[in-house]
C-alpha atoms as a PDB file:
ATOM      1  CA  UNK A   1     166.043  97.701  31.075  1.00  0.00           C
ATOM      2  CA  UNK A   2     169.206  97.001  33.114  1.00  0.00           C
ATOM      3  CA  UNK A   3     169.653  93.680  34.944  1.00  0.00           C
ATOM      4  CA  UNK A   4     172.215  93.366  37.733  1.00  0.00           C
ATOM      5  CA  UNK A   5     173.344  90.342  39.788  1.00  0.00           C
ATOM      6  CA  UNK A   6     174.293  91.310  43.324  1.00  0.00           C
ATOM      7  CA  UNK A   7     175.219  88.688  45.958  1.00  0.00           C
ATOM      8  CA  UNK A   8     173.466  86.033  43.885  1.00  0.00           C
ATOM      9  CA  UNK A   9     170.294  88.085  43.509  1.00  0.00           C
ATOM     10  CA  UNK A  10     168.958  89.346  40.207  1.00  0.00           C
ATOM     11  CA  UNK A  11     167.757  92.936  40.294  1.00  0.00           C
ATOM     12  CA  UNK A  12     166.576  95.177  37.492  1.00  0.00           C
ATOM     13  CA  UNK A  13     165.372  98.662  36.680  1.00  0.00           C
ATOM     14  CA  UNK A  14     164.398 100.945  33.827  1.00  0.00           C
ATOM     15  CA  UNK A  15     166.714 103.482  32.353  1.00  0.00           C
ATOM     16  CA  UNK A  16     165.721 107.110  32.057  1.00  0.00           C
ATOM     17  CA  UNK A  17     165.458 106.762  28.289  1.00  0.00           C
ATOM     18  CA  UNK A  18     163.045 103.849  28.633  1.00  0.00           C
ATOM     19  CA  UNK A  19     160.878 105.762  31.099  1.00  0.00           C
ATOM     20  CA  UNK A  20     160.762 108.765  28.750  1.00  0.00           C
ATOM     21  CA  UNK A  21     159.763 106.531  25.816  1.00  0.00           C
ATOM     22  CA  UNK A  22     156.962 104.890  27.813  1.00  0.00           C
ATOM     23  CA  UNK A  23     155.707 108.273  29.017  1.00  0.00           C
ATOM     24  CA  UNK A  24     155.714 109.587  25.439  1.00  0.00           C
ATOM     25  CA  UNK A  25     153.758 106.552  24.213  1.00  0.00           C
ATOM     26  CA  UNK A  26     151.194 106.960  26.992  1.00  0.00           C
ATOM     27  CA  UNK A  27     150.816 110.646  26.117  1.00  0.00           C
ATOM     28  CA  UNK A  28     150.449 109.825  22.418  1.00  0.00           C
ATOM     29  CA  UNK A  29     147.792 107.179  22.950  1.00  0.00           C
ATOM     30  CA  UNK A  30     145.927 109.404  25.403  1.00  0.00           C
ATOM     31  CA  UNK A  31     145.885 112.201  22.845  1.00  0.00           C
ATOM     32  CA  UNK A  32     144.603 109.868  20.142  1.00  0.00           C
ATOM     33  CA  UNK A  33     141.897 108.574  22.461  1.00  0.00           C
ATOM     34  CA  UNK A  34     140.839 112.115  23.396  1.00  0.00           C
ATOM     35  CA  UNK A  35     140.732 113.126  19.717  1.00  0.00           C
ATOM     36  CA  UNK A  36     138.575 110.083  18.977  1.00  0.00           C
ATOM     37  CA  UNK A  37     136.172 110.974  21.788  1.00  0.00           C
ATOM     38  CA  UNK A  38     135.922 114.580  20.590  1.00  0.00           C
ATOM     39  CA  UNK A  39     135.206 113.461  17.035  1.00  0.00           C
ATOM     40  CA  UNK A  40     132.576 111.043  18.277  1.00  0.00           C
ATOM     41  CA  UNK A  41     130.869 113.796  20.283  1.00  0.00           C
ATOM     42  CA  UNK A  42     131.012 116.157  17.303  1.00  0.00           C
ATOM     43  CA  UNK A  43     129.516 113.560  14.979  1.00  0.00           C
ATOM     44  CA  UNK A  44     126.779 112.691  17.458  1.00  0.00           C
ATOM     45  CA  UNK A  45     125.800 116.385  17.699  1.00  0.00           C
ATOM     46  CA  UNK A  46     125.700 116.728  13.933  1.00  0.00           C
ATOM     47  CA  UNK A  47     123.512 113.637  13.608  1.00  0.00           C
ATOM     48  CA  UNK A  48     121.216 114.916  16.359  1.00  0.00           C
ATOM     49  CA  UNK A  49     120.774 118.278  14.606  1.00  0.00           C
ATOM     50  CA  UNK A  50     120.046 116.589  11.275  1.00  0.00           C
ATOM     51  CA  UNK A  51     117.330 114.560  12.992  1.00  0.00           C
ATOM     52  CA  UNK A  52     115.897 117.586  14.794  1.00  0.00           C
ATOM     53  CA  UNK A  53     115.742 119.746  11.653  1.00  0.00           C
ATOM     54  CA  UNK A  54     113.840 116.940   9.922  1.00  0.00           C
ATOM     55  CA  UNK A  55     111.374 116.692  12.802  1.00  0.00           C
ATOM     56  CA  UNK A  56     110.791 120.453  12.810  1.00  0.00           C
ATOM     57  CA  UNK A  57     110.502 120.507   9.024  1.00  0.00           C
ATOM     58  CA  UNK A  58     107.912 117.726   9.102  1.00  0.00           C
ATOM     59  CA  UNK A  59     105.981 119.522  11.862  1.00  0.00           C
ATOM     60  CA  UNK A  60     105.968 122.735   9.815  1.00  0.00           C
ATOM     61  CA  UNK A  61     104.691 120.814   6.787  1.00  0.00           C
ATOM     62  CA  UNK A  62     101.800 119.352   8.779  1.00  0.00           C
ATOM     63  CA  UNK A  63     100.946 122.767  10.235  1.00  0.00           C
ATOM     64  CA  UNK A  64     101.078 124.333   6.771  1.00  0.00           C
ATOM     65  CA  UNK A  65      98.656 121.715   5.484  1.00  0.00           C
ATOM     66  CA  UNK A  66      96.247 122.613   8.291  1.00  0.00           C
ATOM     67  CA  UNK A  67      96.406 126.407   8.371  1.00  0.00           C
ATOM     68  CA  UNK A  68      97.780 127.346   4.937  1.00  0.00           C
ATOM     69  CA  UNK A  69     101.062 129.016   5.999  1.00  0.00           C
ATOM     70  CA  UNK A  70     104.194 128.271   8.027  1.00  0.00           C
ATOM     71  CA  UNK A  71     103.871 129.245  11.705  1.00  0.00           C
ATOM     72  CA  UNK A  72     106.694 130.364  13.960  1.00  0.00           C
ATOM     73  CA  UNK A  73     108.689 127.340  15.128  1.00  0.00           C
ATOM     74  CA  UNK A  74     108.034 128.055  18.803  1.00  0.00           C
ATOM     75  CA  UNK A  75     104.267 127.607  18.412  1.00  0.00           C
ATOM     76  CA  UNK A  76     104.576 124.063  17.071  1.00  0.00           C
ATOM     77  CA  UNK A  77     104.739 122.578  20.583  1.00  0.00           C
ATOM     78  CA  UNK A  78     101.377 123.955  21.757  1.00  0.00           C
ATOM     79  CA  UNK A  79      97.702 123.149  21.343  1.00  0.00           C
ATOM     80  CA  UNK A  80      95.173 125.814  20.381  1.00  0.00           C
ATOM     81  CA  UNK A  81      93.889 126.403  23.917  1.00  0.00           C
ATOM     82  CA  UNK A  82      97.368 127.094  25.283  1.00  0.00           C
ATOM     83  CA  UNK A  83      98.127 129.501  22.436  1.00  0.00           C
ATOM     84  CA  UNK A  84      94.823 131.317  22.933  1.00  0.00           C
ATOM     85  CA  UNK A  85      95.312 131.685  26.688  1.00  0.00           C
ATOM     86  CA  UNK A  86      99.016 132.603  26.723  1.00  0.00           C
ATOM     87  CA  UNK A  87     100.030 134.184  23.423  1.00  0.00           C
ATOM     88  CA  UNK A  88      97.084 134.770  21.137  1.00  0.00           C
ATOM     89  CA  UNK A  89      97.266 134.304  17.393  1.00  0.00           C
ATOM     90  CA  UNK A  90      98.517 137.705  16.225  1.00  0.00           C
ATOM     91  CA  UNK A  91     102.185 136.690  15.973  1.00  0.00           C
ATOM     92  CA  UNK A  92     101.927 133.063  14.965  1.00  0.00           C
ATOM     93  CA  UNK A  93     103.327 133.844  11.514  1.00  0.00           C
ATOM     94  CA  UNK A  94     106.912 132.590  11.136  1.00  0.00           C
ATOM     95  CA  UNK A  95     108.231 136.118  10.519  1.00  0.00           C
ATOM     96  CA  UNK A  96     105.849 137.885  12.864  1.00  0.00           C
ATOM     97  CA  UNK A  97     103.879 139.295   9.934  1.00  0.00           C
ATOM     98  CA  UNK A  98     100.399 140.605  10.680  1.00  0.00           C
ATOM     99  CA  UNK A  99      97.491 138.299   9.905  1.00  0.00           C
ATOM    100  CA  UNK A 100      93.911 139.334   9.234  1.00  0.00           C
ATOM    101  CA  UNK A 101      91.049 138.543  11.592  1.00  0.00           C
ATOM    102  CA  UNK A 102      89.686 136.123   9.021  1.00  0.00           C
ATOM    103  CA  UNK A 103      93.004 134.254   8.770  1.00  0.00           C
ATOM    104  CA  UNK A 104      93.321 134.335  12.548  1.00  0.00           C
ATOM    105  CA  UNK A 105      89.951 132.632  12.956  1.00  0.00           C
ATOM    106  CA  UNK A 106      90.825 130.126  10.248  1.00  0.00           C
ATOM    107  CA  UNK A 107      94.115 129.348  12.003  1.00  0.00           C
ATOM    108  CA  UNK A 108      92.336 128.788  15.302  1.00  0.00           C
ATOM    109  CA  UNK A 109      89.745 126.521  13.695  1.00  0.00           C
ATOM    110  CA  UNK A 110      92.266 124.410  11.784  1.00  0.00           C
ATOM    111  CA  UNK A 111      95.141 124.242  14.295  1.00  0.00           C
ATOM    112  CA  UNK A 112      95.611 120.658  15.463  1.00  0.00           C
ATOM    113  CA  UNK A 113      98.901 120.992  17.358  1.00  0.00           C
ATOM    114  CA  UNK A 114     101.053 120.206  19.098  1.00  0.00           C
ATOM    115  CA  UNK A 115     102.988 119.172  16.009  1.00  0.00           C
ATOM    116  CA  UNK A 116     106.397 118.908  17.658  1.00  0.00           C
ATOM    117  CA  UNK A 117     107.657 117.935  21.113  1.00  0.00           C
ATOM    118  CA  UNK A 118     110.890 119.628  22.151  1.00  0.00           C
ATOM    119  CA  UNK A 119     113.092 117.674  24.568  1.00  0.00           C
ATOM    120  CA  UNK A 120     113.815 119.103  28.023  1.00  0.00           C
ATOM    121  CA  UNK A 121     116.734 116.709  28.616  1.00  0.00           C
ATOM    122  CA  UNK A 122     119.532 119.077  27.590  1.00  0.00           C
ATOM    123  CA  UNK A 123     118.059 121.857  29.749  1.00  0.00           C
ATOM    124  CA  UNK A 124     118.588 119.622  32.776  1.00  0.00           C
ATOM    125  CA  UNK A 125     122.166 118.757  31.797  1.00  0.00           C
ATOM    126  CA  UNK A 126     123.524 122.054  30.505  1.00  0.00           C
ATOM    127  CA  UNK A 127     122.761 125.735  30.961  1.00  0.00           C
ATOM    128  CA  UNK A 128     124.787 126.924  27.962  1.00  0.00           C
ATOM    129  CA  UNK A 129     123.787 124.292  25.393  1.00  0.00           C
ATOM    130  CA  UNK A 130     120.095 124.102  26.153  1.00  0.00           C
ATOM    131  CA  UNK A 131     117.611 122.193  24.028  1.00  0.00           C
ATOM    132  CA  UNK A 132     114.928 124.813  24.648  1.00  0.00           C
ATOM    133  CA  UNK A 133     115.682 128.524  24.836  1.00  0.00           C
ATOM    134  CA  UNK A 134     113.542 131.623  25.276  1.00  0.00           C
ATOM    135  CA  UNK A 135     112.605 133.646  22.204  1.00  0.00           C
ATOM    136  CA  UNK A 136     111.146 137.106  22.712  1.00  0.00           C
ATOM    137  CA  UNK A 137     108.744 138.047  19.949  1.00  0.00           C
ATOM    138  CA  UNK A 138     108.231 141.560  18.613  1.00  0.00           C
ATOM    139  CA  UNK A 139     107.126 144.113  19.890  1.00  0.00           C
ATOM    140  CA  UNK A 140     109.222 143.081  22.902  1.00  0.00           C
ATOM    141  CA  UNK A 141     106.917 143.915  25.811  1.00  0.00           C
ATOM    142  CA  UNK A 142     108.844 144.800  28.976  1.00  0.00           C
ATOM    143  CA  UNK A 143     109.396 141.821  31.311  1.00  0.00           C
ATOM    144  CA  UNK A 144     107.682 141.530  34.673  1.00  0.00           C
ATOM    145  CA  UNK A 145     109.340 141.073  38.087  1.00  0.00           C
ATOM    146  CA  UNK A 146     110.278 137.488  37.193  1.00  0.00           C
ATOM    147  CA  UNK A 147     112.250 138.692  34.174  1.00  0.00           C
ATOM    148  CA  UNK A 148     109.850 137.079  31.731  1.00  0.00           C
ATOM    149  CA  UNK A 149     107.747 138.943  29.171  1.00  0.00           C
ATOM    150  CA  UNK A 150     104.354 137.972  27.788  1.00  0.00           C
ATOM    151  CA  UNK A 151     106.174 137.867  24.437  1.00  0.00           C
ATOM    152  CA  UNK A 152     108.561 135.130  25.598  1.00  0.00           C
ATOM    153  CA  UNK A 153     108.022 131.711  24.089  1.00  0.00           C
ATOM    154  CA  UNK A 154     109.922 128.436  24.463  1.00  0.00           C
ATOM    155  CA  UNK A 155     111.849 127.681  21.292  1.00  0.00           C
ATOM    156  CA  UNK A 156     113.757 124.532  20.226  1.00  0.00           C
ATOM    157  CA  UNK A 157     117.521 125.021  19.975  1.00  0.00           C
ATOM    158  CA  UNK A 158     120.272 123.098  18.244  1.00  0.00           C
ATOM    159  CA  UNK A 159     123.073 121.182  19.970  1.00  0.00           C
ATOM    160  CA  UNK A 160     125.068 124.399  20.432  1.00  0.00           C
ATOM    161  CA  UNK A 161     122.268 126.290  22.160  1.00  0.00           C
ATOM    162  CA  UNK A 162     121.137 128.486  19.246  1.00  0.00           C
ATOM    163  CA  UNK A 163     117.508 128.632  18.076  1.00  0.00           C
ATOM    164  CA  UNK A 164     116.497 126.809  14.925  1.00  0.00           C
ATOM    165  CA  UNK A 165     115.316 129.249  12.267  1.00  0.00           C
ATOM    166  CA  UNK A 166     113.061 129.111   9.234  1.00  0.00           C
ATOM    167  CA  UNK A 167     114.010 130.709   5.910  1.00  0.00           C
ATOM    168  CA  UNK A 168     111.166 131.545   3.513  1.00  0.00           C
ATOM    169  CA  UNK A 169     112.229 133.112   0.208  1.00  0.00           C
ATOM    170  CA  UNK A 170     110.185 134.060  -2.820  1.00  0.00           C
ATOM    171  CA  UNK A 171     111.540 134.520  -6.336  1.00  0.00           C
ATOM    172  CA  UNK A 172     111.455 137.879  -8.140  1.00  0.00           C
ATOM    173  CA  UNK A 173     111.539 137.102 -11.887  1.00  0.00           C
ATOM    174  CA  UNK A 174     111.991 140.726 -13.005  1.00  0.00           C
ATOM    175  CA  UNK A 175     115.319 140.977 -11.191  1.00  0.00           C
ATOM    176  CA  UNK A 176     116.200 137.273 -11.139  1.00  0.00           C
ATOM    177  CA  UNK A 177     116.729 137.393  -7.391  1.00  0.00           C
ATOM    178  CA  UNK A 178     114.946 136.449  -4.192  1.00  0.00           C
ATOM    179  CA  UNK A 179     113.733 138.011  -0.975  1.00  0.00           C
ATOM    180  CA  UNK A 180     111.873 137.076   2.157  1.00  0.00           C
ATOM    181  CA  UNK A 181     108.114 136.689   1.835  1.00  0.00           C
ATOM    182  CA  UNK A 182     106.409 139.939   2.762  1.00  0.00           C
ATOM    183  CA  UNK A 183     102.867 138.985   3.715  1.00  0.00           C
ATOM    184  CA  UNK A 184     101.481 136.231   5.890  1.00  0.00           C
ATOM    185  CA  UNK A 185     100.403 133.282   3.791  1.00  0.00           C
ATOM    186  CA  UNK A 186     102.601 134.225   0.838  1.00  0.00           C
ATOM    187  CA  UNK A 187     104.141 131.059  -0.551  1.00  0.00           C
ATOM    188  CA  UNK A 188     107.951 130.773  -0.462  1.00  0.00           C
ATOM    189  CA  UNK A 189     108.249 129.592  -4.070  1.00  0.00           C
ATOM    190  CA  UNK A 190     112.037 129.945  -4.087  1.00  0.00           C
ATOM    191  CA  UNK A 191     113.236 128.304  -0.895  1.00  0.00           C
ATOM    192  CA  UNK A 192     111.846 127.067   2.427  1.00  0.00           C
ATOM    193  CA  UNK A 193     114.150 125.422   4.930  1.00  0.00           C
ATOM    194  CA  UNK A 194     114.845 124.838   8.612  1.00  0.00           C
ATOM    195  CA  UNK A 195     118.393 125.943   9.407  1.00  0.00           C
ATOM    196  CA  UNK A 196     120.874 125.451  12.217  1.00  0.00           C
ATOM    197  CA  UNK A 197     123.826 127.833  12.059  1.00  0.00           C
ATOM    198  CA  UNK A 198     126.096 125.010  13.175  1.00  0.00           C
ATOM    199  CA  UNK A 199     128.914 124.947  15.749  1.00  0.00           C
ATOM    200  CA  UNK A 200     130.136 128.474  14.920  1.00  0.00           C
ATOM    201  CA  UNK A 201     126.634 129.947  15.318  1.00  0.00           C
ATOM    202  CA  UNK A 202     126.713 132.218  12.240  1.00  0.00           C
ATOM    203  CA  UNK A 203     125.312 131.974   8.700  1.00  0.00           C
ATOM    204  CA  UNK A 204     127.884 130.692   6.248  1.00  0.00           C
ATOM    205  CA  UNK A 205     131.525 130.620   7.295  1.00  0.00           C
ATOM    206  CA  UNK A 206     133.378 132.400  10.074  1.00  0.00           C
ATOM    207  CA  UNK A 207     136.118 133.226   7.573  1.00  0.00           C
ATOM    208  CA  UNK A 208     134.340 134.171   4.335  1.00  0.00           C
ATOM    209  CA  UNK A 209     135.912 136.073   1.497  1.00  0.00           C
ATOM    210  CA  UNK A 210     135.634 139.807   1.992  1.00  0.00           C
ATOM    211  CA  UNK A 211     136.957 139.988   5.532  1.00  0.00           C
ATOM    212  CA  UNK A 212     133.638 140.092   7.399  1.00  0.00           C
ATOM    213  CA  UNK A 213     133.950 140.278  11.152  1.00  0.00           C
ATOM    214  CA  UNK A 214     132.170 137.930  13.531  1.00  0.00           C
ATOM    215  CA  UNK A 215     129.963 140.857  14.610  1.00  0.00           C
ATOM    216  CA  UNK A 216     128.851 141.517  11.026  1.00  0.00           C
ATOM    217  CA  UNK A 217     128.057 137.843  10.512  1.00  0.00           C
ATOM    218  CA  UNK A 218     126.065 137.717  13.757  1.00  0.00           C
ATOM    219  CA  UNK A 219     123.980 140.609  12.440  1.00  0.00           C
ATOM    220  CA  UNK A 220     122.775 138.433   9.536  1.00  0.00           C
ATOM    221  CA  UNK A 221     121.117 135.863  11.789  1.00  0.00           C
ATOM    222  CA  UNK A 222     117.332 135.656  12.063  1.00  0.00           C
ATOM    223  CA  UNK A 223     117.511 136.472  15.771  1.00  0.00           C
ATOM    224  CA  UNK A 224     119.432 138.721  18.123  1.00  0.00           C
ATOM    225  CA  UNK A 225     121.112 137.965  21.435  1.00  0.00           C
ATOM    226  CA  UNK A 226     122.137 140.804  23.711  1.00  0.00           C
ATOM    227  CA  UNK A 227     124.074 138.697  26.205  1.00  0.00           C
ATOM    228  CA  UNK A 228     125.862 135.575  24.981  1.00  0.00           C
ATOM    229  CA  UNK A 229     125.822 134.170  28.529  1.00  0.00           C
ATOM    230  CA  UNK A 230     122.018 134.124  28.719  1.00  0.00           C
ATOM    231  CA  UNK A 231     119.838 131.826  26.554  1.00  0.00           C
ATOM    232  CA  UNK A 232     117.418 134.675  25.741  1.00  0.00           C
ATOM    233  CA  UNK A 233     116.970 135.605  22.087  1.00  0.00           C
ATOM    234  CA  UNK A 234     114.874 138.159  20.239  1.00  0.00           C
ATOM    235  CA  UNK A 235     113.167 137.406  16.940  1.00  0.00           C
ATOM    236  CA  UNK A 236     113.650 140.000  14.229  1.00  0.00           C
ATOM    237  CA  UNK A 237     110.964 142.620  13.830  1.00  0.00           C
ATOM    238  CA  UNK A 238     108.754 141.949  10.789  1.00  0.00           C
ATOM    239  CA  UNK A 239     110.247 144.863   8.868  1.00  0.00           C
ATOM    240  CA  UNK A 240     112.027 144.869   5.504  1.00  0.00           C
ATOM    241  CA  UNK A 241     115.111 146.461   7.074  1.00  0.00           C
ATOM    242  CA  UNK A 242     115.735 143.708   9.605  1.00  0.00           C
ATOM    243  CA  UNK A 243     115.136 140.906   7.151  1.00  0.00           C
ATOM    244  CA  UNK A 244     117.029 142.519   4.281  1.00  0.00           C
ATOM    245  CA  UNK A 245     120.088 142.642   6.526  1.00  0.00           C
ATOM    246  CA  UNK A 246     119.604 138.975   7.329  1.00  0.00           C
ATOM    247  CA  UNK A 247     119.308 138.189   3.624  1.00  0.00           C
ATOM    248  CA  UNK A 248     122.933 139.175   3.150  1.00  0.00           C
ATOM    249  CA  UNK A 249     124.517 137.784   0.003  1.00  0.00           C
ATOM    250  CA  UNK A 250     127.148 136.363   2.313  1.00  0.00           C
ATOM    251  CA  UNK A 251     124.774 133.445   2.814  1.00  0.00           C
ATOM    252  CA  UNK A 252     125.515 132.294  -0.793  1.00  0.00           C
ATOM    253  CA  UNK A 253     122.339 130.505  -1.882  1.00  0.00           C
ATOM    254  CA  UNK A 254     122.059 128.825  -5.242  1.00  0.00           C
ATOM    255  CA  UNK A 255     120.487 125.811  -6.853  1.00  0.00           C
ATOM    256  CA  UNK A 256     122.564 122.708  -6.277  1.00  0.00           C
ATOM    257  CA  UNK A 257     121.097 121.046  -9.336  1.00  0.00           C
ATOM    258  CA  UNK A 258     119.426 122.948 -12.235  1.00  0.00           C
ATOM    259  CA  UNK A 259     116.632 120.368 -12.210  1.00  0.00           C
ATOM    260  CA  UNK A 260     116.131 120.622  -8.455  1.00  0.00           C
ATOM    261  CA  UNK A 261     114.444 123.671  -6.932  1.00  0.00           C
ATOM    262  CA  UNK A 262     116.037 123.087  -3.540  1.00  0.00           C
ATOM    263  CA  UNK A 263     118.732 125.515  -2.479  1.00  0.00           C
ATOM    264  CA  UNK A 264     121.974 124.973  -0.587  1.00  0.00           C
ATOM    265  CA  UNK A 265     124.815 126.965   0.904  1.00  0.00           C
ATOM    266  CA  UNK A 266     127.821 126.915  -1.386  1.00  0.00           C
ATOM    267  CA  UNK A 267     130.305 128.595   0.951  1.00  0.00           C
ATOM    268  CA  UNK A 268     132.887 125.783   1.343  1.00  0.00           C
ATOM    269  CA  UNK A 269     133.656 126.879   4.900  1.00  0.00           C
ATOM    270  CA  UNK A 270     130.059 126.796   6.107  1.00  0.00           C
ATOM    271  CA  UNK A 271     129.097 124.398   8.876  1.00  0.00           C
ATOM    272  CA  UNK A 272     125.364 125.225   8.695  1.00  0.00           C
ATOM    273  CA  UNK A 273     122.900 122.353   8.608  1.00  0.00           C
ATOM    274  CA  UNK A 274     119.827 122.673   6.401  1.00  0.00           C
ATOM    275  CA  UNK A 275     116.617 120.731   5.984  1.00  0.00           C
ATOM    276  CA  UNK A 276     114.779 121.722   2.821  1.00  0.00           C
ATOM    277  CA  UNK A 277     111.017 121.637   3.223  1.00  0.00           C
ATOM    278  CA  UNK A 278     109.426 119.986   0.224  1.00  0.00           C
END
């Protein structure tokens, strides 16, 4: 700062260098504050997803205790009358597998939902990162004039607008490997977990070894999305082909602890969040 005395008066002003230094400090502190806010928002989303996967996992456990198998996540929010009147019970299996008439009647008799209440708050605040999205179940009946199909069901989504998914694997001792369960009611004796694909929206890492493209990683998800701008998803068809693609080894499952049957993702670049169902 320069101080001058002119005609007995004291005047002062800042030099250009001082102004530049102050501007640089303001820019630095603003950047640090913005980084702190972004980290806080990121952490709050991660904590929210951890809580939501636990809630969905607990709801699936209660439903399993009632009906004997894991239902599709979207059905957890409804009571039996609503399901009967709007969707029926044919596709309540988590993978869309066919269920017998006897199991269907048993499911109706024992269903005591809703088991889970999805929040509508994010739908009111954001179109892209909705808390509830639309999942179209196989066989994908054509939509009516409103654009909605009878196969469309509300489905809870993570903080990045992607549907939560349920992995159910069984162990094959003869080949020492695993695969998706193949019949409704078959117990996933290898791994059962609610999964969010995280901020990047793909299983595992966006930059895995082997040079996979984003498109190839998107093809290993348990749902499809034709238009990324629209929160409309399609569940995989209950066929071995669709689910074998989704079971890609790129999703690196293994036991975290030899004495613990729970499975984790070992890809160090993965941002997926997992809740193991006990």
